[in-house]
Amino acid sequence: MKDTKYQKFNISINIGDKPYKVFDLQIQPEDTTDGVPFYICETNGVEISRLRKDEKNQWEQIWGDLDTRTINNIGKAIEMHDSSRF
């Protein structure tokens, strides 16, 4: 059986403050040396952000220029995807 822990997956998410603007994102989980995964977020093949959870279990952006609301929305979608795999 193939390990799906770090396979790319897709989500649709609102980015920014305009509720009618929905983007399809490709999310690529990656491992780190400290064991906390980060997530590369791309749209149309262009990387727009890298996210991970901080020590307080809050989503943070380690690369990119997304607003806090968008970061949290993407984080929630990642959590929903991860929880649906088990």
PDB file of N, CA and C in Angstrom:
ATOM      1  N   MET A   1       0.828  -1.178   0.000  1.00  0.00           N
ATOM      2  CA  MET A   1       0.000   0.000   0.000  1.00  0.00           C
ATOM      3  C   MET A   1       0.880   1.252   0.000  1.00  0.00           C
ATOM      4  N   LYS A   2       0.547   2.216  -0.854  1.00  0.00           N
ATOM      5  CA  LYS A   2       1.344   3.419  -0.986  1.00  0.00           C
ATOM      6  C   LYS A   2       1.087   4.377   0.172  1.00  0.00           C
ATOM      7  N   ASP A   3       2.170   4.968   0.719  1.00  0.00           N
ATOM      8  CA  ASP A   3       2.044   5.948   1.797  1.00  0.00           C
ATOM      9  C   ASP A   3       1.498   7.251   1.220  1.00  0.00           C
ATOM     10  N   THR A   4       0.340   7.679   1.723  1.00  0.00           N
ATOM     11  CA  THR A   4      -0.299   8.892   1.212  1.00  0.00           C
ATOM     12  C   THR A   4      -0.043  10.101   2.108  1.00  0.00           C
ATOM     13  N   LYS A   5       0.835   9.962   3.088  1.00  0.00           N
ATOM     14  CA  LYS A   5       1.063  11.043   4.046  1.00  0.00           C
ATOM     15  C   LYS A   5       1.492  12.338   3.364  1.00  0.00           C
ATOM     16  N   TYR A   6       2.303  12.247   2.314  1.00  0.00           N
ATOM     17  CA  TYR A   6       2.841  13.450   1.695  1.00  0.00           C
ATOM     18  C   TYR A   6       2.442  13.598   0.235  1.00  0.00           C
ATOM     19  N   GLN A   7       1.286  13.083  -0.131  1.00  0.00           N
ATOM     20  CA  GLN A   7       0.808  13.252  -1.493  1.00  0.00           C
ATOM     21  C   GLN A   7       0.106  14.586  -1.657  1.00  0.00           C
ATOM     22  N   LYS A   8       0.296  15.186  -2.823  1.00  0.00           N
ATOM     23  CA  LYS A   8      -0.366  16.447  -3.149  1.00  0.00           C
ATOM     24  C   LYS A   8      -1.872  16.233  -3.200  1.00  0.00           C
ATOM     25  N   PHE A   9      -2.630  17.225  -2.733  1.00  0.00           N
ATOM     26  CA  PHE A   9      -4.088  17.170  -2.801  1.00  0.00           C
ATOM     27  C   PHE A   9      -4.622  18.551  -3.155  1.00  0.00           C
ATOM     28  N   ASN A  10      -5.889  18.613  -3.542  1.00  0.00           N
ATOM     29  CA  ASN A  10      -6.513  19.855  -3.988  1.00  0.00           C
ATOM     30  C   ASN A  10      -7.579  20.318  -3.007  1.00  0.00           C
ATOM     31  N   ILE A  11      -7.695  21.636  -2.869  1.00  0.00           N
ATOM     32  CA  ILE A  11      -8.778  22.249  -2.104  1.00  0.00           C
ATOM     33  C   ILE A  11      -9.267  23.470  -2.883  1.00  0.00           C
ATOM     34  N   SER A  12     -10.505  23.871  -2.630  1.00  0.00           N
ATOM     35  CA  SER A  12     -11.032  25.130  -3.151  1.00  0.00           C
ATOM     36  C   SER A  12     -11.243  26.044  -1.961  1.00  0.00           C
ATOM     37  N   ILE A  13     -10.747  27.271  -2.059  1.00  0.00           N
ATOM     38  CA  ILE A  13     -10.740  28.157  -0.900  1.00  0.00           C
ATOM     39  C   ILE A  13     -10.911  29.605  -1.331  1.00  0.00           C
ATOM     40  N   ASN A  14     -11.562  30.386  -0.470  1.00  0.00           N
ATOM     41  CA  ASN A  14     -11.666  31.826  -0.672  1.00  0.00           C
ATOM     42  C   ASN A  14     -10.346  32.467  -0.255  1.00  0.00           C
ATOM     43  N   ILE A  15      -9.785  33.295  -1.127  1.00  0.00           N
ATOM     44  CA  ILE A  15      -8.545  33.999  -0.812  1.00  0.00           C
ATOM     45  C   ILE A  15      -8.839  35.491  -0.775  1.00  0.00           C
ATOM     46  N   GLY A  16      -8.471  36.124   0.310  1.00  0.00           N
ATOM     47  CA  GLY A  16      -8.700  37.553   0.449  1.00  0.00           C
ATOM     48  C   GLY A  16     -10.048  37.860   1.061  1.00  0.00           C
ATOM     49  N   ASP A  17     -10.489  39.092   0.883  1.00  0.00           N
ATOM     50  CA  ASP A  17     -11.710  39.544   1.547  1.00  0.00           C
ATOM     51  C   ASP A  17     -12.932  39.567   0.641  1.00  0.00           C
ATOM     52  N   LYS A  18     -12.833  39.031  -0.551  1.00  0.00           N
ATOM     53  CA  LYS A  18     -13.968  38.995  -1.464  1.00  0.00           C
ATOM     54  C   LYS A  18     -14.534  37.579  -1.495  1.00  0.00           C
ATOM     55  N   PRO A  19     -15.707  37.355  -0.907  1.00  0.00           N
ATOM     56  CA  PRO A  19     -16.236  35.996  -0.761  1.00  0.00           C
ATOM     57  C   PRO A  19     -16.533  35.288  -2.082  1.00  0.00           C
ATOM     58  N   TYR A  20     -16.666  36.014  -3.161  1.00  0.00           N
ATOM     59  CA  TYR A  20     -16.974  35.389  -4.442  1.00  0.00           C
ATOM     60  C   TYR A  20     -15.727  34.958  -5.197  1.00  0.00           C
ATOM     61  N   LYS A  21     -14.552  35.225  -4.673  1.00  0.00           N
ATOM     62  CA  LYS A  21     -13.301  34.885  -5.346  1.00  0.00           C
ATOM     63  C   LYS A  21     -12.751  33.586  -4.758  1.00  0.00           C
ATOM     64  N   VAL A  22     -13.026  32.468  -5.416  1.00  0.00           N
ATOM     65  CA  VAL A  22     -12.598  31.158  -4.935  1.00  0.00           C
ATOM     66  C   VAL A  22     -11.485  30.642  -5.843  1.00  0.00           C
ATOM     67  N   PHE A  23     -10.440  30.113  -5.237  1.00  0.00           N
ATOM     68  CA  PHE A  23      -9.305  29.578  -5.967  1.00  0.00           C
ATOM     69  C   PHE A  23      -9.191  28.084  -5.708  1.00  0.00           C
ATOM     70  N   ASP A  24      -8.758  27.356  -6.717  1.00  0.00           N
ATOM     71  CA  ASP A  24      -8.399  25.954  -6.546  1.00  0.00           C
ATOM     72  C   ASP A  24      -6.916  25.913  -6.218  1.00  0.00           C
ATOM     73  N   LEU A  25      -6.591  25.350  -5.068  1.00  0.00           N
ATOM     74  CA  LEU A  25      -5.204  25.251  -4.631  1.00  0.00           C
ATOM     75  C   LEU A  25      -4.748  23.804  -4.644  1.00  0.00           C
ATOM     76  N   GLN A  26      -3.479  23.619  -4.964  1.00  0.00           N
ATOM     77  CA  GLN A  26      -2.833  22.331  -4.820  1.00  0.00           C
ATOM     78  C   GLN A  26      -1.947  22.444  -3.577  1.00  0.00           C
ATOM     79  N   ILE A  27      -2.101  21.485  -2.681  1.00  0.00           N
ATOM     80  CA  ILE A  27      -1.375  21.492  -1.415  1.00  0.00           C
ATOM     81  C   ILE A  27      -0.405  20.317  -1.408  1.00  0.00           C
ATOM     82  N   GLN A  28       0.880  20.616  -1.197  1.00  0.00           N
ATOM     83  CA  GLN A  28       1.909  19.583  -1.132  1.00  0.00           C
ATOM     84  C   GLN A  28       2.507  19.560   0.270  1.00  0.00           C
ATOM     85  N   PRO A  29       2.163  18.541   1.073  1.00  0.00           N
ATOM     86  CA  PRO A  29       2.782  18.422   2.398  1.00  0.00           C
ATOM     87  C   PRO A  29       4.260  18.053   2.263  1.00  0.00           C
ATOM     88  N   GLU A  30       5.085  18.616   3.115  1.00  0.00           N
ATOM     89  CA  GLU A  30       6.515  18.312   3.153  1.00  0.00           C
ATOM     90  C   GLU A  30       6.932  18.118   4.599  1.00  0.00           C
ATOM     91  N   ASP A  31       7.896  17.248   4.808  1.00  0.00           N
ATOM     92  CA  ASP A  31       8.413  16.983   6.144  1.00  0.00           C
ATOM     93  C   ASP A  31       9.562  17.941   6.445  1.00  0.00           C
ATOM     94  N   THR A  32       9.821  18.168   7.713  1.00  0.00           N
ATOM     95  CA  THR A  32      10.927  19.017   8.140  1.00  0.00           C
ATOM     96  C   THR A  32      11.793  18.252   9.128  1.00  0.00           C
ATOM     97  N   THR A  33      12.953  18.802   9.422  1.00  0.00           N
ATOM     98  CA  THR A  33      13.857  18.132  10.355  1.00  0.00           C
ATOM     99  C   THR A  33      13.310  18.115  11.776  1.00  0.00           C
ATOM    100  N   ASP A  34      12.424  19.064  12.117  1.00  0.00           N
ATOM    101  CA  ASP A  34      11.856  19.069  13.467  1.00  0.00           C
ATOM    102  C   ASP A  34      10.583  18.238  13.569  1.00  0.00           C
ATOM    103  N   GLY A  35      10.190  17.580  12.475  1.00  0.00           N
ATOM    104  CA  GLY A  35       9.042  16.685  12.500  1.00  0.00           C
ATOM    105  C   GLY A  35       7.691  17.350  12.325  1.00  0.00           C
ATOM    106  N   VAL A  36       7.665  18.673  12.211  1.00  0.00           N
ATOM    107  CA  VAL A  36       6.410  19.401  11.996  1.00  0.00           C
ATOM    108  C   VAL A  36       6.279  19.667  10.500  1.00  0.00           C
ATOM    109  N   PRO A  37       5.273  19.088   9.848  1.00  0.00           N
ATOM    110  CA  PRO A  37       5.156  19.283   8.400  1.00  0.00           C
ATOM    111  C   PRO A  37       4.782  20.718   8.044  1.00  0.00           C
ATOM    112  N   PHE A  38       5.182  21.126   6.848  1.00  0.00           N
ATOM    113  CA  PHE A  38       4.689  22.379   6.302  1.00  0.00           C
ATOM    114  C   PHE A  38       3.993  22.062   4.991  1.00  0.00           C
ATOM    115  N   TYR A  39       3.226  22.999   4.495  1.00  0.00           N
ATOM    116  CA  TYR A  39       2.380  22.772   3.328  1.00  0.00           C
ATOM    117  C   TYR A  39       2.661  23.834   2.277  1.00  0.00           C
ATOM    118  N   ILE A  40       3.095  23.387   1.106  1.00  0.00           N
ATOM    119  CA  ILE A  40       3.312  24.279  -0.023  1.00  0.00           C
ATOM    120  C   ILE A  40       1.973  24.468  -0.716  1.00  0.00           C
ATOM    121  N   CYS A  41       1.564  25.716  -0.890  1.00  0.00           N
ATOM    122  CA  CYS A  41       0.269  26.039  -1.499  1.00  0.00           C
ATOM    123  C   CYS A  41       0.513  26.653  -2.874  1.00  0.00           C
ATOM    124  N   GLU A  42      -0.069  26.044  -3.897  1.00  0.00           N
ATOM    125  CA  GLU A  42       0.093  26.518  -5.272  1.00  0.00           C
ATOM    126  C   GLU A  42      -1.266  26.720  -5.921  1.00  0.00           C
ATOM    127  N   THR A  43      -1.327  27.645  -6.863  1.00  0.00           N
ATOM    128  CA  THR A  43      -2.481  27.788  -7.730  1.00  0.00           C
ATOM    129  C   THR A  43      -1.968  27.966  -9.151  1.00  0.00           C
ATOM    130  N   ASN A  44      -2.520  27.197 -10.064  1.00  0.00           N
ATOM    131  CA  ASN A  44      -2.087  27.223 -11.467  1.00  0.00           C
ATOM    132  C   ASN A  44      -0.580  27.039 -11.606  1.00  0.00           C
ATOM    133  N   GLY A  45       0.002  26.180 -10.761  1.00  0.00           N
ATOM    134  CA  GLY A  45       1.423  25.874 -10.839  1.00  0.00           C
ATOM    135  C   GLY A  45       2.343  26.918 -10.231  1.00  0.00           C
ATOM    136  N   VAL A  46       1.780  27.952  -9.596  1.00  0.00           N
ATOM    137  CA  VAL A  46       2.576  29.014  -8.987  1.00  0.00           C
ATOM    138  C   VAL A  46       2.459  28.923  -7.467  1.00  0.00           C
ATOM    139  N   GLU A  47       3.603  28.839  -6.794  1.00  0.00           N
ATOM    140  CA  GLU A  47       3.591  28.784  -5.334  1.00  0.00           C
ATOM    141  C   GLU A  47       3.184  30.143  -4.775  1.00  0.00           C
ATOM    142  N   ILE A  48       2.182  30.135  -3.874  1.00  0.00           N
ATOM    143  CA  ILE A  48       1.720  31.394  -3.286  1.00  0.00           C
ATOM    144  C   ILE A  48       1.990  31.475  -1.789  1.00  0.00           C
ATOM    145  N   SER A  49       2.262  30.340  -1.153  1.00  0.00           N
ATOM    146  CA  SER A  49       2.477  30.368   0.291  1.00  0.00           C
ATOM    147  C   SER A  49       3.025  29.032   0.780  1.00  0.00           C
ATOM    148  N   ARG A  50       3.607  29.086   1.972  1.00  0.00           N
ATOM    149  CA  ARG A  50       3.979  27.887   2.734  1.00  0.00           C
ATOM    150  C   ARG A  50       3.450  28.085   4.146  1.00  0.00           C
ATOM    151  N   LEU A  51       2.707  27.090   4.612  1.00  0.00           N
ATOM    152  CA  LEU A  51       2.067  27.186   5.922  1.00  0.00           C
ATOM    153  C   LEU A  51       2.496  26.038   6.821  1.00  0.00           C
ATOM    154  N   ARG A  52       2.427  26.266   8.115  1.00  0.00           N
ATOM    155  CA  ARG A  52       2.616  25.217   9.111  1.00  0.00           C
ATOM    156  C   ARG A  52       1.947  25.656  10.395  1.00  0.00           C
ATOM    157  N   LYS A  53       1.785  24.716  11.306  1.00  0.00           N
ATOM    158  CA  LYS A  53       1.249  25.044  12.631  1.00  0.00           C
ATOM    159  C   LYS A  53       2.405  25.413  13.547  1.00  0.00           C
ATOM    160  N   ASP A  54       2.195  26.452  14.361  1.00  0.00           N
ATOM    161  CA  ASP A  54       3.227  26.859  15.308  1.00  0.00           C
ATOM    162  C   ASP A  54       3.113  26.053  16.604  1.00  0.00           C
ATOM    163  N   GLU A  55       3.936  26.391  17.575  1.00  0.00           N
ATOM    164  CA  GLU A  55       3.954  25.641  18.836  1.00  0.00           C
ATOM    165  C   GLU A  55       2.663  25.791  19.634  1.00  0.00           C
ATOM    166  N   LYS A  56       1.835  26.786  19.296  1.00  0.00           N
ATOM    167  CA  LYS A  56       0.534  26.970  19.950  1.00  0.00           C
ATOM    168  C   LYS A  56      -0.597  26.353  19.139  1.00  0.00           C
ATOM    169  N   ASN A  57      -0.236  25.569  18.127  1.00  0.00           N
ATOM    170  CA  ASN A  57      -1.195  24.879  17.265  1.00  0.00           C
ATOM    171  C   ASN A  57      -2.006  25.850  16.397  1.00  0.00           C
ATOM    172  N   GLN A  58      -1.430  27.021  16.119  1.00  0.00           N
ATOM    173  CA  GLN A  58      -2.051  28.013  15.251  1.00  0.00           C
ATOM    174  C   GLN A  58      -1.359  27.981  13.886  1.00  0.00           C
ATOM    175  N   TRP A  59      -2.117  28.226  12.839  1.00  0.00           N
ATOM    176  CA  TRP A  59      -1.531  28.252  11.502  1.00  0.00           C
ATOM    177  C   TRP A  59      -0.717  29.524  11.312  1.00  0.00           C
ATOM    178  N   GLU A  60       0.486  29.351  10.742  1.00  0.00           N
ATOM    179  CA  GLU A  60       1.338  30.489  10.439  1.00  0.00           C
ATOM    180  C   GLU A  60       1.891  30.343   9.027  1.00  0.00           C
ATOM    181  N   GLN A  61       2.177  31.466   8.435  1.00  0.00           N
ATOM    182  CA  GLN A  61       2.752  31.493   7.098  1.00  0.00           C
ATOM    183  C   GLN A  61       4.261  31.631   7.235  1.00  0.00           C
ATOM    184  N   ILE A  62       5.003  30.697   6.647  1.00  0.00           N
ATOM    185  CA  ILE A  62       6.460  30.778   6.713  1.00  0.00           C
ATOM    186  C   ILE A  62       7.043  31.342   5.426  1.00  0.00           C
ATOM    187  N   TRP A  63       6.207  31.470   4.415  1.00  0.00           N
ATOM    188  CA  TRP A  63       6.595  32.125   3.172  1.00  0.00           C
ATOM    189  C   TRP A  63       5.329  32.560   2.458  1.00  0.00           C
ATOM    190  N   GLY A  64       5.323  33.741   1.885  1.00  0.00           N
ATOM    191  CA  GLY A  64       4.183  34.226   1.123  1.00  0.00           C
ATOM    192  C   GLY A  64       3.626  35.515   1.691  1.00  0.00           C
ATOM    193  N   ASP A  65       2.512  35.951   1.115  1.00  0.00           N
ATOM    194  CA  ASP A  65       1.940  37.240   1.488  1.00  0.00           C
ATOM    195  C   ASP A  65       0.420  37.157   1.595  1.00  0.00           C
ATOM    196  N   LEU A  66      -0.086  36.141   2.267  1.00  0.00           N
ATOM    197  CA  LEU A  66      -1.530  35.990   2.450  1.00  0.00           C
ATOM    198  C   LEU A  66      -1.958  36.649   3.753  1.00  0.00           C
ATOM    199  N   ASP A  67      -3.209  37.103   3.793  1.00  0.00           N
ATOM    200  CA  ASP A  67      -3.734  37.698   5.020  1.00  0.00           C
ATOM    201  C   ASP A  67      -4.081  36.596   6.026  1.00  0.00           C
ATOM    202  N   THR A  68      -4.251  36.993   7.277  1.00  0.00           N
ATOM    203  CA  THR A  68      -4.493  36.046   8.368  1.00  0.00           C
ATOM    204  C   THR A  68      -5.745  35.210   8.134  1.00  0.00           C
ATOM    205  N   ARG A  69      -6.806  35.834   7.662  1.00  0.00           N
ATOM    206  CA  ARG A  69      -8.058  35.101   7.413  1.00  0.00           C
ATOM    207  C   ARG A  69      -7.846  33.991   6.383  1.00  0.00           C
ATOM    208  N   THR A  70      -7.136  34.311   5.315  1.00  0.00           N
ATOM    209  CA  THR A  70      -6.873  33.318   4.276  1.00  0.00           C
ATOM    210  C   THR A  70      -5.999  32.191   4.809  1.00  0.00           C
ATOM    211  N   ILE A  71      -4.983  32.527   5.579  1.00  0.00           N
ATOM    212  CA  ILE A  71      -4.109  31.508   6.179  1.00  0.00           C
ATOM    213  C   ILE A  71      -4.937  30.546   7.026  1.00  0.00           C
ATOM    214  N   ASN A  72      -5.813  31.086   7.852  1.00  0.00           N
ATOM    215  CA  ASN A  72      -6.650  30.237   8.705  1.00  0.00           C
ATOM    216  C   ASN A  72      -7.638  29.410   7.889  1.00  0.00           C
ATOM    217  N   ASN A  73      -8.202  29.976   6.826  1.00  0.00           N
ATOM    218  CA  ASN A  73      -9.120  29.219   5.966  1.00  0.00           C
ATOM    219  C   ASN A  73      -8.413  28.055   5.285  1.00  0.00           C
ATOM    220  N   ILE A  74      -7.220  28.301   4.778  1.00  0.00           N
ATOM    221  CA  ILE A  74      -6.454  27.219   4.153  1.00  0.00           C
ATOM    222  C   ILE A  74      -6.101  26.169   5.207  1.00  0.00           C
ATOM    223  N   GLY A  75      -5.669  26.615   6.387  1.00  0.00           N
ATOM    224  CA  GLY A  75      -5.341  25.685   7.466  1.00  0.00           C
ATOM    225  C   GLY A  75      -6.514  24.797   7.844  1.00  0.00           C
ATOM    226  N   LYS A  76      -7.705  25.379   7.943  1.00  0.00           N
ATOM    227  CA  LYS A  76      -8.897  24.583   8.258  1.00  0.00           C
ATOM    228  C   LYS A  76      -9.176  23.558   7.167  1.00  0.00           C
ATOM    229  N   ALA A  77      -9.001  23.950   5.912  1.00  0.00           N
ATOM    230  CA  ALA A  77      -9.220  23.012   4.808  1.00  0.00           C
ATOM    231  C   ALA A  77      -8.192  21.880   4.845  1.00  0.00           C
ATOM    232  N   ILE A  78      -6.953  22.198   5.189  1.00  0.00           N
ATOM    233  CA  ILE A  78      -5.920  21.165   5.326  1.00  0.00           C
ATOM    234  C   ILE A  78      -6.302  20.203   6.451  1.00  0.00           C
ATOM    235  N   GLU A  79      -6.742  20.735   7.578  1.00  0.00           N
ATOM    236  CA  GLU A  79      -7.155  19.885   8.701  1.00  0.00           C
ATOM    237  C   GLU A  79      -8.315  18.976   8.311  1.00  0.00           C
ATOM    238  N   MET A  80      -9.286  19.518   7.585  1.00  0.00           N
ATOM    239  CA  MET A  80     -10.422  18.701   7.146  1.00  0.00           C
ATOM    240  C   MET A  80      -9.952  17.591   6.214  1.00  0.00           C
ATOM    241  N   HIS A  81      -9.043  17.909   5.320  1.00  0.00           N
ATOM    242  CA  HIS A  81      -8.509  16.889   4.416  1.00  0.00           C
ATOM    243  C   HIS A  81      -7.773  15.813   5.206  1.00  0.00           C
ATOM    244  N   ASP A  82      -6.897  16.242   6.113  1.00  0.00           N
ATOM    245  CA  ASP A  82      -6.117  15.279   6.902  1.00  0.00           C
ATOM    246  C   ASP A  82      -7.014  14.392   7.757  1.00  0.00           C
ATOM    247  N   SER A  83      -8.059  14.955   8.347  1.00  0.00           N
ATOM    248  CA  SER A  83      -8.936  14.155   9.206  1.00  0.00           C
ATOM    249  C   SER A  83      -9.796  13.190   8.391  1.00  0.00           C
ATOM    250  N   SER A  84     -10.061  13.495   7.142  1.00  0.00           N
ATOM    251  CA  SER A  84     -10.890  12.613   6.313  1.00  0.00           C
ATOM    252  C   SER A  84     -10.120  11.394   5.812  1.00  0.00           C
ATOM    253  N   ARG A  85      -8.794  11.412   5.946  1.00  0.00           N
ATOM    254  CA  ARG A  85      -7.985  10.280   5.480  1.00  0.00           C
ATOM    255  C   ARG A  85      -7.989   9.123   6.462  1.00  0.00           C
ATOM    256  N   PHE A  86      -8.411   9.346   7.689  1.00  0.00           N
ATOM    257  CA  PHE A  86      -8.322   8.296   8.716  1.00  0.00           C
ATOM    258  C   PHE A  86      -9.674   7.790   9.123  1.00  0.00           C
TER     259      PHE A  86
END
